[in-house]
Amino acid sequence: MVQPTPGPDFQTEINRVVNYFVHAARGGFLFCACDPTAVIPGLINVIIERSRLKNLDLKKLNLSFEDVDFLMKKIREAAETKPDGIIFSNLDELIVLTKDRIINNFNLARDRLLELNIPFLFCVTRENMSKFTNMAQDIFSRRGKSVIYLPEVPVGAIIEKPKEFHAVEYLPLDIKNINLKIELLEKQLNEGERRKYKPGRIANEIAPDLIHLYLHASLIDKANELFEKYRPWFDLKNNIKTIEITAYLYYKNARWESALEFYDKIREYYEQSRDFARLGPIINNIGLIYMKTGQLQKAFDLFSRGMEVDKHGGFQGITAYFFNNIGGVYNRKGQWDKALEYYLKARTILEGIQDEAAIEAVNENIRAIRSSAA
């Protein structure tokens, strides 16, 4: 496959970003916008690599949902090593998860940020760039330069635009006829509350299953609301199903550290009980967290280990999930041939067990690879 080199406009804009860090030694703000979201991680890597040619040490700061209300604490920790600049790398995700609250938090922290004498780069899509201009006028008015709009970059040797990757997640419940199941469980919940069931009974008999169905139906707000309502009564020490669904809730909210904390508890439980059929799916979801946080080698190692575990578990579908997600690791690394090889392995297994939802996810991955190679 011929890989074109990004054009001069792209090179010029990247140099403008790097030169900002060269000349803004006393601190400042620069905003960089690009569509779509998928290319931003690649662009940041290019900026960091290019800056090294000028002997600059830039730090990429990936904030979690839990960090948003402790913003300055996390930024000061990143500043302790005295980098030549800090790049906020996952703002688009956090803007959605916090319903724009992070923008206001940055605006309120503007003076304390300037006191650190470190230049900051905010990378967002054009849509979220307009939110900064409207909602964070104080910090935006103090920017060092005009907004730099980076053009979409063709796949090339200098920067690979990541192909969209569709993960195959393990879902701990049977989710056929999901709307009917949600309706039935909501009726049980309402009836239980009307009859004044003890909260602990609702928390451990009805709420977890309903939360999981909400998550699968992308009703994240409903799931969060129900979780918060009954959180004090959840048995998060002994009820493994409740622990597992709590892990999945944190996963769907992109609260990776909390999700890992609970998934590790589940993994340890299934390892000790030698329940390999349930251990494999948990390893799969932990691997996906590592993928989403850019820890590709950890993800690869876990998916590979999961295939070994599944030899004991005997759940053939999980092996297909591992094949697909290993393909995703190769996809992120730009090794398209290896990615395609594993996607095809996954599809063969999934067709045999007629897992239609997973087949469609894998087919999307295969189409993305083949369309790029055409």
Protein backbone atom coordinates (compact mmCIF):
# COMPACT_ATOMS: atom_id res chain seq x y z
CA MET A 1 0.00 0.00 0.00
CA VAL A 2 1.40 3.39 -1.01
CA GLN A 3 1.58 5.73 1.95
CA PRO A 4 1.51 9.41 0.98
CA THR A 5 3.50 11.96 2.96
CA PRO A 6 1.55 14.75 4.68
CA GLY A 7 1.60 17.95 2.66
CA PRO A 8 3.47 21.19 3.39
CA ASP A 9 0.47 22.82 5.09
CA PHE A 10 0.52 20.12 7.73
CA GLN A 11 4.30 20.44 8.19
CA THR A 12 4.03 24.20 8.53
CA GLU A 13 1.32 24.03 11.19
CA ILE A 14 3.20 21.39 13.19
CA ASN A 15 6.28 23.64 13.15
CA ARG A 16 4.15 26.54 14.42
CA VAL A 17 3.08 24.40 17.38
CA VAL A 18 6.64 23.34 18.16
CA ASN A 19 7.93 26.92 17.85
CA TYR A 20 5.31 28.00 20.35
CA PHE A 21 6.98 25.77 22.95
CA VAL A 22 10.39 27.10 21.94
CA HIS A 23 9.42 30.73 22.51
CA ALA A 24 6.89 30.43 25.36
CA ALA A 25 9.39 29.50 28.06
CA ARG A 26 7.54 31.63 30.64
CA GLY A 27 4.26 29.89 30.11
CA GLY A 28 1.10 30.51 28.12
CA PHE A 29 -1.78 28.84 26.33
CA LEU A 30 -2.13 27.59 22.76
CA PHE A 31 -5.21 25.98 21.26
CA CYS A 32 -4.97 23.45 18.47
CA ALA A 33 -8.07 22.13 16.68
CA CYS A 34 -8.45 19.24 14.29
CA ASP A 35 -11.17 16.94 12.98
CA PRO A 36 -11.90 14.16 13.46
CA THR A 37 -11.14 13.17 17.04
CA ALA A 38 -9.40 9.96 15.91
CA VAL A 39 -6.39 11.80 14.46
CA ILE A 40 -5.60 13.85 17.58
CA PRO A 41 -3.49 11.18 19.35
CA GLY A 42 -1.36 10.78 16.22
CA LEU A 43 -0.93 14.52 15.85
CA ILE A 44 0.19 14.86 19.46
CA ASN A 45 2.78 12.12 18.95
CA VAL A 46 4.13 13.96 15.90
CA ILE A 47 4.36 17.22 17.88
CA ILE A 48 6.26 15.47 20.66
CA GLU A 49 8.64 13.73 18.25
CA ARG A 50 9.27 16.95 16.31
CA SER A 51 9.91 18.85 19.54
CA ARG A 52 12.67 16.41 20.47
CA LEU A 53 14.61 17.60 17.45
CA LYS A 54 14.78 20.96 19.23
CA ASN A 55 15.77 19.31 22.53
CA LEU A 56 12.38 19.96 24.07
CA ASP A 57 10.80 17.66 26.61
CA LEU A 58 7.00 17.83 26.27
CA LYS A 59 4.69 15.93 28.59
CA LYS A 60 1.41 14.46 27.38
CA LEU A 61 -1.19 14.63 30.18
CA ASN A 62 -4.11 12.23 29.93
CA LEU A 63 -6.65 13.13 32.61
CA SER A 64 -9.26 10.76 34.00
CA PHE A 65 -12.85 11.63 34.84
CA GLU A 66 -11.91 11.56 38.52
CA ASP A 67 -9.12 14.12 37.95
CA VAL A 68 -11.44 16.85 36.70
CA ASP A 69 -12.30 18.23 40.14
CA PHE A 70 -8.64 18.00 41.23
CA LEU A 71 -7.29 19.62 38.09
CA MET A 72 -4.49 21.71 39.55
CA LYS A 73 -3.27 18.84 41.71
CA LYS A 74 -2.79 16.63 38.64
CA ILE A 75 -1.21 19.45 36.62
CA ARG A 76 1.22 20.32 39.42
CA GLU A 77 2.22 16.65 39.63
CA ALA A 78 2.93 16.68 35.89
CA ALA A 79 4.89 19.92 36.27
CA GLU A 80 7.19 18.54 38.97
CA THR A 81 9.62 17.16 36.37
CA LYS A 82 9.94 20.67 34.83
CA PRO A 83 8.86 19.77 31.27
CA ASP A 84 9.19 22.30 28.46
CA GLY A 85 5.47 22.08 27.91
CA ILE A 86 2.33 20.11 28.76
CA ILE A 87 -0.21 18.85 26.22
CA PHE A 88 -3.74 18.00 27.34
CA SER A 89 -4.48 15.01 25.13
CA ASN A 90 -7.99 13.68 25.87
CA LEU A 91 -10.08 16.80 26.33
CA ASP A 92 -12.79 15.83 23.83
CA GLU A 93 -13.61 12.73 25.84
CA LEU A 94 -13.69 14.65 29.12
CA ILE A 95 -15.82 17.47 27.72
CA VAL A 96 -18.50 14.88 26.93
CA LEU A 97 -18.20 12.98 30.20
CA THR A 98 -18.24 16.10 32.39
CA LYS A 99 -20.90 17.89 30.34
CA ASP A 100 -18.47 20.76 29.68
CA ARG A 101 -17.53 21.19 33.37
CA ILE A 102 -13.84 20.70 32.62
CA ILE A 103 -13.85 23.80 30.41
CA ASN A 104 -15.08 25.92 33.29
CA ASN A 105 -12.51 24.33 35.62
CA PHE A 106 -9.69 25.28 33.26
CA ASN A 107 -11.00 28.82 33.04
CA LEU A 108 -11.09 29.16 36.83
CA ALA A 109 -7.53 27.81 37.07
CA ARG A 110 -6.05 30.20 34.48
CA ASP A 111 -3.97 32.31 36.90
CA ARG A 112 -2.58 29.29 38.74
CA LEU A 113 -1.65 27.72 35.41
CA LEU A 114 0.27 30.83 34.40
CA GLU A 115 2.11 30.82 37.73
CA LEU A 116 3.67 27.47 36.79
CA ASN A 117 5.61 29.17 33.94
CA ILE A 118 4.95 26.24 31.62
CA PRO A 119 3.38 26.54 28.15
CA PHE A 120 0.20 24.49 27.73
CA LEU A 121 -1.35 23.09 24.56
CA PHE A 122 -5.08 22.26 24.40
CA CYS A 123 -5.94 19.82 21.59
CA VAL A 124 -9.64 19.51 20.72
CA THR A 125 -11.96 19.16 17.76
CA ARG A 126 -13.32 22.26 16.03
CA GLU A 127 -16.71 21.77 17.69
CA ASN A 128 -15.19 21.80 21.17
CA MET A 129 -12.89 24.65 20.20
CA SER A 130 -15.99 26.83 19.87
CA LYS A 131 -16.99 25.80 23.41
CA PHE A 132 -13.67 27.07 24.75
CA THR A 133 -14.13 30.40 22.97
CA ASN A 134 -17.61 30.82 24.45
CA MET A 135 -17.27 29.24 27.89
CA ALA A 136 -13.64 29.95 28.80
CA GLN A 137 -13.17 33.46 27.53
CA ASP A 138 -10.70 34.45 30.25
CA ILE A 139 -8.24 31.69 29.48
CA PHE A 140 -8.86 31.91 25.73
CA SER A 141 -8.15 35.65 25.65
CA ARG A 142 -4.71 34.99 27.18
CA ARG A 143 -3.61 32.55 24.50
CA GLY A 144 -0.19 33.12 23.04
CA LYS A 145 -1.22 32.81 19.38
CA SER A 146 -4.28 32.44 17.27
CA VAL A 147 -5.88 29.00 17.19
CA ILE A 148 -3.91 26.59 15.02
CA TYR A 149 -6.18 24.47 12.84
CA LEU A 150 -4.41 21.32 11.72
CA PRO A 151 -5.64 19.83 8.45
CA GLU A 152 -6.73 16.20 8.34
CA VAL A 153 -3.62 14.18 7.60
CA PRO A 154 -3.43 11.33 5.06
CA VAL A 155 -2.13 8.00 6.27
CA GLY A 156 1.63 8.22 5.92
CA ALA A 157 5.05 7.35 7.24
CA ILE A 158 5.18 10.44 9.47
CA ILE A 159 1.77 10.05 11.06
CA GLU A 160 -0.72 7.24 10.87
CA LYS A 161 -4.35 8.24 11.10
CA PRO A 162 -5.78 5.51 13.33
CA LYS A 163 -8.46 3.44 11.65
CA GLU A 164 -11.63 3.17 13.64
CA PHE A 165 -11.43 0.05 15.78
CA HIS A 166 -14.52 -1.76 16.99
CA ALA A 167 -13.80 -3.64 20.20
CA VAL A 168 -15.71 -6.73 21.23
CA GLU A 169 -16.64 -6.39 24.90
CA TYR A 170 -17.79 -9.13 27.19
CA LEU A 171 -21.29 -8.52 28.51
CA PRO A 172 -22.05 -10.48 31.69
CA LEU A 173 -25.79 -10.81 31.01
CA ASP A 174 -27.93 -12.19 28.23
CA ILE A 175 -29.18 -9.01 26.53
CA LYS A 176 -31.68 -10.41 24.01
CA ASN A 177 -35.00 -8.50 23.99
CA ILE A 178 -33.28 -5.73 25.93
CA ASN A 179 -36.17 -3.24 25.86
CA LEU A 180 -38.59 -5.81 27.25
CA LYS A 181 -36.14 -6.78 30.01
CA ILE A 182 -35.61 -3.13 30.96
CA GLU A 183 -39.36 -2.60 31.14
CA LEU A 184 -39.86 -5.67 33.35
CA LEU A 185 -37.02 -4.76 35.71
CA GLU A 186 -38.22 -1.17 35.99
CA LYS A 187 -41.63 -2.50 37.01
CA GLN A 188 -39.98 -4.71 39.65
CA LEU A 189 -37.97 -1.75 40.90
CA ASN A 190 -41.00 0.53 41.11
CA GLU A 191 -43.03 -2.18 42.84
CA GLY A 192 -40.24 -2.84 45.30
CA GLU A 193 -39.95 0.84 46.15
CA ARG A 194 -43.74 1.16 46.44
CA ARG A 195 -43.85 -1.76 48.87
CA LYS A 196 -40.90 -0.28 50.77
CA TYR A 197 -38.52 -3.19 50.23
CA LYS A 198 -35.30 -2.78 52.18
CA PRO A 199 -32.78 -0.84 50.07
CA GLY A 200 -30.25 -3.64 50.43
CA ARG A 201 -32.65 -6.09 48.81
CA ILE A 202 -33.22 -3.80 45.83
CA ALA A 203 -29.50 -2.99 45.61
CA ASN A 204 -28.46 -6.61 45.28
CA GLU A 205 -31.46 -8.27 43.60
CA ILE A 206 -32.79 -5.75 41.07
CA ALA A 207 -30.53 -2.72 40.59
CA PRO A 208 -27.37 -4.44 39.25
CA ASP A 209 -29.17 -6.20 36.38
CA LEU A 210 -31.08 -3.05 35.50
CA ILE A 211 -27.89 -0.96 35.59
CA HIS A 212 -26.22 -3.37 33.22
CA LEU A 213 -29.11 -3.29 30.77
CA TYR A 214 -29.12 0.51 30.87
CA LEU A 215 -25.40 0.49 30.04
CA HIS A 216 -25.83 -1.87 27.13
CA ALA A 217 -28.67 0.29 25.80
CA SER A 218 -26.39 3.37 26.11
CA LEU A 219 -28.62 4.85 28.81
CA ILE A 220 -25.55 5.93 30.76
CA ASP A 221 -27.26 8.68 32.75
CA LYS A 222 -29.98 6.30 33.94
CA ALA A 223 -27.38 3.73 34.95
CA ASN A 224 -25.38 6.33 36.86
CA GLU A 225 -28.47 7.69 38.60
CA LEU A 226 -29.59 4.24 39.75
CA PHE A 227 -26.07 3.33 40.85
CA GLU A 228 -25.71 6.47 42.95
CA LYS A 229 -29.15 5.96 44.50
CA TYR A 230 -28.33 2.48 45.81
CA ARG A 231 -24.55 2.70 46.11
CA PRO A 232 -24.56 2.63 49.98
CA TRP A 233 -26.29 -0.76 49.97
CA PHE A 234 -24.33 -2.54 47.24
CA ASP A 235 -22.34 -5.51 48.50
CA LEU A 236 -19.02 -4.73 46.84
CA LYS A 237 -17.06 -7.19 48.94
CA ASN A 238 -18.86 -10.50 48.52
CA ASN A 239 -21.41 -10.21 45.69
CA ILE A 240 -19.30 -10.96 42.63
CA LYS A 241 -22.06 -10.08 40.16
CA THR A 242 -22.53 -6.66 41.73
CA ILE A 243 -18.78 -6.09 41.69
CA GLU A 244 -18.62 -7.09 38.03
CA ILE A 245 -21.43 -4.78 36.97
CA THR A 246 -19.88 -1.93 38.98
CA ALA A 247 -16.64 -2.49 37.07
CA TYR A 248 -18.58 -2.37 33.81
CA LEU A 249 -20.32 0.88 34.84
CA TYR A 250 -16.98 2.55 35.51
CA TYR A 251 -15.74 1.14 32.19
CA LYS A 252 -18.63 2.70 30.26
CA ASN A 253 -18.01 6.02 32.01
CA ALA A 254 -14.33 5.90 30.96
CA ARG A 255 -13.28 5.94 34.62
CA TRP A 256 -10.43 3.61 33.84
CA GLU A 257 -8.69 3.55 37.22
CA SER A 258 -11.88 2.69 39.10
CA ALA A 259 -12.83 0.10 36.49
CA LEU A 260 -9.43 -1.56 36.80
CA GLU A 261 -9.70 -1.60 40.59
CA PHE A 262 -12.93 -3.60 40.44
CA TYR A 263 -11.92 -5.77 37.49
CA ASP A 264 -8.76 -6.77 39.37
CA LYS A 265 -10.91 -7.94 42.29
CA ILE A 266 -13.00 -10.04 39.92
CA ARG A 267 -9.94 -11.44 38.16
CA GLU A 268 -8.40 -12.48 41.49
CA TYR A 269 -11.65 -14.15 42.56
CA TYR A 270 -11.97 -16.19 39.35
CA GLU A 271 -8.28 -17.11 39.41
CA GLN A 272 -8.57 -18.44 42.95
CA SER A 273 -11.75 -20.34 42.15
CA ARG A 274 -10.25 -21.53 38.83
CA ASP A 275 -13.41 -20.42 37.05
CA PHE A 276 -11.71 -20.12 33.67
CA ALA A 277 -14.95 -19.67 31.74
CA ARG A 278 -15.57 -16.39 33.56
CA LEU A 279 -11.92 -15.39 33.91
CA GLY A 280 -11.33 -15.09 30.14
CA PRO A 281 -14.00 -12.42 29.58
CA ILE A 282 -12.69 -10.35 32.50
CA ILE A 283 -9.17 -10.45 31.08
CA ASN A 284 -10.64 -9.29 27.77
CA ASN A 285 -12.22 -6.18 29.27
CA ILE A 286 -9.09 -5.32 31.27
CA GLY A 287 -7.11 -5.56 28.03
CA LEU A 288 -9.53 -3.16 26.38
CA ILE A 289 -8.93 -0.62 29.14
CA TYR A 290 -5.20 -0.82 28.47
CA MET A 291 -5.91 -0.30 24.76
CA LYS A 292 -8.07 2.74 25.44
CA THR A 293 -5.36 4.27 27.62
CA GLY A 294 -2.65 3.68 25.01
CA GLN A 295 -0.87 0.84 26.85
CA LEU A 296 -0.72 -1.38 23.78
CA GLN A 297 1.90 -3.86 24.98
CA LYS A 298 -0.01 -4.51 28.21
CA ALA A 299 -3.18 -5.00 26.19
CA PHE A 300 -1.45 -7.40 23.79
CA ASP A 301 0.02 -9.42 26.68
CA LEU A 302 -3.37 -9.70 28.37
CA PHE A 303 -5.22 -10.75 25.22
CA SER A 304 -2.53 -13.38 24.55
CA ARG A 305 -2.78 -14.63 28.12
CA GLY A 306 -6.55 -14.72 27.80
CA MET A 307 -6.33 -17.15 24.90
CA GLU A 308 -4.27 -19.48 27.06
CA VAL A 309 -6.82 -19.20 29.88
CA ASP A 310 -9.66 -19.92 27.48
CA LYS A 311 -8.14 -23.27 26.56
CA HIS A 312 -9.35 -24.30 30.02
CA GLY A 313 -12.57 -22.29 29.93
CA GLY A 314 -13.90 -23.72 26.71
CA PHE A 315 -15.93 -20.65 25.72
CA GLN A 316 -15.02 -20.42 22.05
CA GLY A 317 -16.55 -16.98 21.57
CA ILE A 318 -14.03 -15.40 23.94
CA THR A 319 -11.16 -16.66 21.79
CA ALA A 320 -12.75 -14.78 18.90
CA TYR A 321 -12.92 -11.64 21.05
CA PHE A 322 -9.21 -11.97 21.80
CA PHE A 323 -8.40 -12.43 18.11
CA ASN A 324 -10.41 -9.32 17.20
CA ASN A 325 -8.85 -7.21 19.95
CA ILE A 326 -5.30 -8.37 19.17
CA GLY A 327 -6.11 -7.25 15.64
CA GLY A 328 -7.03 -3.91 17.19
CA VAL A 329 -3.59 -3.64 18.81
CA TYR A 330 -1.92 -4.27 15.45
CA ASN A 331 -4.33 -1.76 13.91
CA ARG A 332 -3.24 0.92 16.37
CA LYS A 333 0.39 0.12 15.59
CA GLY A 334 -0.21 0.49 11.85
CA GLN A 335 0.52 -3.19 11.13
CA TRP A 336 -2.47 -3.61 8.83
CA ASP A 337 -1.62 -7.08 7.47
CA LYS A 338 -1.36 -8.57 10.96
CA ALA A 339 -4.53 -6.77 12.02
CA LEU A 340 -6.44 -8.24 9.06
CA GLU A 341 -5.08 -11.72 9.80
CA TYR A 342 -6.50 -11.66 13.34
CA TYR A 343 -9.80 -10.08 12.30
CA LEU A 344 -10.35 -12.91 9.83
CA LYS A 345 -9.56 -15.51 12.49
CA ALA A 346 -12.10 -13.88 14.78
CA ARG A 347 -14.81 -13.80 12.13
CA THR A 348 -14.38 -17.48 11.30
CA ILE A 349 -15.06 -18.46 14.92
CA LEU A 350 -17.93 -16.00 15.37
CA GLU A 351 -19.69 -17.22 12.24
CA GLY A 352 -19.52 -20.74 13.65
CA ILE A 353 -21.29 -19.72 16.87
CA GLN A 354 -23.56 -17.14 15.15
CA ASP A 355 -22.65 -14.18 17.39
CA GLU A 356 -24.23 -11.59 15.09
CA ALA A 357 -23.34 -8.44 17.07
CA ALA A 358 -19.69 -9.43 17.34
CA ILE A 359 -19.57 -10.47 13.67
CA GLU A 360 -20.73 -7.00 12.64
CA ALA A 361 -18.05 -5.34 14.79
CA VAL A 362 -15.35 -7.52 13.24
CA ASN A 363 -16.70 -6.93 9.72
CA GLU A 364 -16.45 -3.18 10.30
CA ASN A 365 -12.79 -3.64 11.22
CA ILE A 366 -12.15 -5.74 8.12
CA ARG A 367 -13.87 -3.19 5.86
CA ALA A 368 -11.79 -0.35 7.34
CA ILE A 369 -8.54 -2.21 6.64
CA ARG A 370 -9.48 -3.26 3.12
CA SER A 371 -10.82 0.15 2.10
CA SER A 372 -7.53 1.75 3.11
CA ALA A 373 -5.54 -0.84 1.18
CA ALA A 374 -7.63 -0.49 -1.98
